[in-house]
Amino acid sequence: MDTDIDTRLAELEVKLAFQDELLDALNATVARQQKEMELLQQQMRLLYQQLRSSQPDNGAGGGHEIPPHY
């Protein structure tokens, strides 16, 4: 009977060790993805600023002008 308990205990310890490793790997993945998301957000802000600065400000509130042939 003691061998059954020892075997089950050993199996549980092995499962716990694998779960700890998996948890560490998942945590590292989430941390890496968070850094990537922050970098992408920063790049998107920069691109948005570049887009805004490259568009001419015609002061008409963004309305379209009627072509001269009308």
N, C-alpha and C. Protein backbone atom coordinates (compact mmCIF):
# COMPACT_ATOMS: atom_id res chain seq x y z
N MET A 1 0.81 -1.18 0.00
CA MET A 1 0.00 0.00 0.00
C MET A 1 0.86 1.26 0.00
N ASP A 2 1.97 1.20 0.73
CA ASP A 2 2.86 2.35 0.76
C ASP A 2 3.48 2.63 -0.61
N THR A 3 3.71 1.58 -1.39
CA THR A 3 4.29 1.78 -2.72
C THR A 3 3.31 2.50 -3.64
N ASP A 4 2.00 2.21 -3.50
CA ASP A 4 1.00 2.92 -4.30
C ASP A 4 0.98 4.40 -3.97
N ILE A 5 1.05 4.70 -2.69
CA ILE A 5 1.05 6.10 -2.26
C ILE A 5 2.33 6.78 -2.72
N ASP A 6 3.46 6.10 -2.59
CA ASP A 6 4.73 6.66 -3.03
C ASP A 6 4.73 6.90 -4.53
N THR A 7 4.17 5.96 -5.28
CA THR A 7 4.10 6.10 -6.74
C THR A 7 3.23 7.29 -7.11
N ARG A 8 2.07 7.40 -6.50
CA ARG A 8 1.16 8.52 -6.79
C ARG A 8 1.79 9.84 -6.40
N LEU A 9 2.49 9.86 -5.28
CA LEU A 9 3.16 11.07 -4.84
C LEU A 9 4.26 11.47 -5.83
N ALA A 10 5.01 10.51 -6.30
CA ALA A 10 6.07 10.78 -7.27
C ALA A 10 5.46 11.31 -8.57
N GLU A 11 4.35 10.72 -9.01
CA GLU A 11 3.68 11.19 -10.23
C GLU A 11 3.19 12.63 -10.07
N LEU A 12 2.64 12.93 -8.91
CA LEU A 12 2.18 14.29 -8.66
C LEU A 12 3.33 15.29 -8.64
N GLU A 13 4.46 14.87 -8.08
CA GLU A 13 5.63 15.74 -8.06
C GLU A 13 6.15 16.01 -9.47
N VAL A 14 6.12 14.97 -10.30
CA VAL A 14 6.56 15.14 -11.70
C VAL A 14 5.61 16.09 -12.43
N LYS A 15 4.31 15.89 -12.25
CA LYS A 15 3.33 16.78 -12.89
C LYS A 15 3.51 18.21 -12.44
N LEU A 16 3.74 18.40 -11.16
CA LEU A 16 3.95 19.74 -10.62
C LEU A 16 5.19 20.38 -11.23
N ALA A 17 6.25 19.61 -11.39
CA ALA A 17 7.48 20.14 -11.98
C ALA A 17 7.23 20.57 -13.43
N PHE A 18 6.50 19.75 -14.19
CA PHE A 18 6.19 20.12 -15.57
C PHE A 18 5.30 21.35 -15.62
N GLN A 19 4.36 21.46 -14.70
CA GLN A 19 3.48 22.63 -14.68
C GLN A 19 4.26 23.89 -14.32
N ASP A 20 5.22 23.77 -13.42
CA ASP A 20 6.07 24.91 -13.09
C ASP A 20 6.86 25.37 -14.31
N GLU A 21 7.42 24.42 -15.04
CA GLU A 21 8.17 24.76 -16.25
C GLU A 21 7.27 25.42 -17.29
N LEU A 22 6.07 24.87 -17.45
CA LEU A 22 5.12 25.43 -18.41
C LEU A 22 4.71 26.83 -18.01
N LEU A 23 4.46 27.04 -16.73
CA LEU A 23 4.08 28.36 -16.24
C LEU A 23 5.20 29.37 -16.48
N ASP A 24 6.43 28.98 -16.25
CA ASP A 24 7.57 29.87 -16.51
C ASP A 24 7.66 30.20 -18.00
N ALA A 25 7.45 29.21 -18.85
CA ALA A 25 7.52 29.44 -20.30
C ALA A 25 6.39 30.36 -20.75
N LEU A 26 5.20 30.15 -20.22
CA LEU A 26 4.07 31.01 -20.58
C LEU A 26 4.29 32.43 -20.09
N ASN A 27 4.83 32.57 -18.91
CA ASN A 27 5.12 33.90 -18.38
C ASN A 27 6.14 34.63 -19.25
N ALA A 28 7.16 33.92 -19.68
CA ALA A 28 8.17 34.52 -20.57
C ALA A 28 7.54 34.93 -21.90
N THR A 29 6.63 34.11 -22.41
CA THR A 29 5.96 34.43 -23.67
C THR A 29 5.10 35.68 -23.53
N VAL A 30 4.35 35.76 -22.44
CA VAL A 30 3.50 36.93 -22.22
C VAL A 30 4.37 38.19 -22.07
N ALA A 31 5.46 38.10 -21.36
CA ALA A 31 6.34 39.26 -21.18
C ALA A 31 6.93 39.70 -22.53
N ARG A 32 7.33 38.74 -23.35
CA ARG A 32 7.89 39.07 -24.67
C ARG A 32 6.83 39.72 -25.54
N GLN A 33 5.62 39.18 -25.53
CA GLN A 33 4.55 39.74 -26.33
C GLN A 33 4.18 41.14 -25.86
N GLN A 34 4.23 41.38 -24.56
CA GLN A 34 3.93 42.72 -24.04
C GLN A 34 4.95 43.72 -24.57
N LYS A 35 6.23 43.34 -24.56
CA LYS A 35 7.27 44.23 -25.09
C LYS A 35 7.05 44.49 -26.57
N GLU A 36 6.69 43.46 -27.32
CA GLU A 36 6.43 43.62 -28.76
C GLU A 36 5.24 44.54 -28.99
N MET A 37 4.20 44.39 -28.19
CA MET A 37 3.02 45.25 -28.34
C MET A 37 3.37 46.70 -28.04
N GLU A 38 4.17 46.93 -27.01
CA GLU A 38 4.57 48.30 -26.69
C GLU A 38 5.39 48.90 -27.82
N LEU A 39 6.28 48.12 -28.41
CA LEU A 39 7.08 48.59 -29.53
C LEU A 39 6.19 48.91 -30.74
N LEU A 40 5.24 48.03 -31.03
CA LEU A 40 4.33 48.26 -32.15
C LEU A 40 3.47 49.49 -31.92
N GLN A 41 3.02 49.71 -30.69
CA GLN A 41 2.23 50.90 -30.40
C GLN A 41 3.06 52.16 -30.58
N GLN A 42 4.30 52.12 -30.16
CA GLN A 42 5.19 53.27 -30.34
C GLN A 42 5.42 53.54 -31.83
N GLN A 43 5.65 52.48 -32.61
CA GLN A 43 5.84 52.65 -34.04
C GLN A 43 4.58 53.21 -34.71
N MET A 44 3.43 52.74 -34.27
CA MET A 44 2.18 53.23 -34.84
C MET A 44 1.98 54.71 -34.52
N ARG A 45 2.31 55.13 -33.30
CA ARG A 45 2.21 56.54 -32.95
C ARG A 45 3.13 57.39 -33.83
N LEU A 46 4.35 56.90 -34.04
CA LEU A 46 5.29 57.63 -34.88
C LEU A 46 4.79 57.74 -36.32
N LEU A 47 4.25 56.64 -36.85
CA LEU A 47 3.71 56.67 -38.20
C LEU A 47 2.52 57.62 -38.31
N TYR A 48 1.68 57.64 -37.29
CA TYR A 48 0.53 58.55 -37.27
C TYR A 48 1.01 60.00 -37.25
N GLN A 49 2.04 60.28 -36.45
CA GLN A 49 2.59 61.64 -36.42
C GLN A 49 3.18 62.03 -37.76
N GLN A 50 3.87 61.09 -38.41
CA GLN A 50 4.44 61.38 -39.72
C GLN A 50 3.35 61.64 -40.75
N LEU A 51 2.29 60.86 -40.69
CA LEU A 51 1.17 61.04 -41.60
C LEU A 51 0.53 62.40 -41.39
N ARG A 52 0.29 62.77 -40.14
CA ARG A 52 -0.33 64.06 -39.84
C ARG A 52 0.56 65.22 -40.28
N SER A 53 1.86 65.09 -40.12
CA SER A 53 2.76 66.18 -40.48
C SER A 53 2.96 66.27 -41.99
N SER A 54 2.72 65.19 -42.72
CA SER A 54 2.91 65.23 -44.17
C SER A 54 1.69 65.73 -44.91
N GLN A 55 0.52 65.77 -44.24
CA GLN A 55 -0.68 66.26 -44.89
C GLN A 55 -0.74 67.77 -44.80
N PRO A 56 -1.03 68.43 -45.91
CA PRO A 56 -1.11 69.90 -45.88
C PRO A 56 -2.35 70.34 -45.09
N ASP A 57 -2.19 71.41 -44.35
CA ASP A 57 -3.31 71.98 -43.59
C ASP A 57 -3.86 73.13 -44.42
N ASN A 58 -5.00 72.88 -45.09
CA ASN A 58 -5.54 73.91 -45.98
C ASN A 58 -6.52 74.83 -45.27
N GLY A 59 -6.73 74.66 -43.98
CA GLY A 59 -7.55 75.58 -43.21
C GLY A 59 -9.03 75.53 -43.53
N ALA A 60 -9.46 74.73 -44.45
CA ALA A 60 -10.87 74.66 -44.83
C ALA A 60 -11.60 73.61 -44.01
N GLY A 61 -11.00 73.12 -42.99
CA GLY A 61 -11.65 72.11 -42.17
C GLY A 61 -11.66 70.75 -42.83
N GLY A 62 -10.83 70.53 -43.78
CA GLY A 62 -10.73 69.23 -44.43
C GLY A 62 -11.75 69.06 -45.55
N GLY A 63 -12.45 70.13 -45.94
CA GLY A 63 -13.43 70.02 -47.02
C GLY A 63 -12.77 69.92 -48.37
N HIS A 64 -13.50 69.41 -49.34
CA HIS A 64 -12.96 69.28 -50.69
C HIS A 64 -13.26 70.54 -51.50
N GLU A 65 -12.29 70.96 -52.27
CA GLU A 65 -12.48 72.13 -53.13
C GLU A 65 -13.16 71.67 -54.42
N ILE A 66 -13.94 72.56 -55.00
CA ILE A 66 -14.57 72.28 -56.29
C ILE A 66 -13.50 72.48 -57.37
N PRO A 67 -13.36 71.53 -58.26
CA PRO A 67 -12.38 71.68 -59.33
C PRO A 67 -12.68 72.94 -60.16
N PRO A 68 -11.64 73.54 -60.75
CA PRO A 68 -11.82 74.82 -61.47
C PRO A 68 -12.71 74.70 -62.71
N HIS A 69 -12.92 73.53 -63.25
CA HIS A 69 -13.72 73.44 -64.46
C HIS A 69 -15.22 73.47 -64.17
N TYR A 70 -15.66 73.58 -62.92
CA TYR A 70 -17.08 73.69 -62.60
C TYR A 70 -17.52 75.12 -62.53
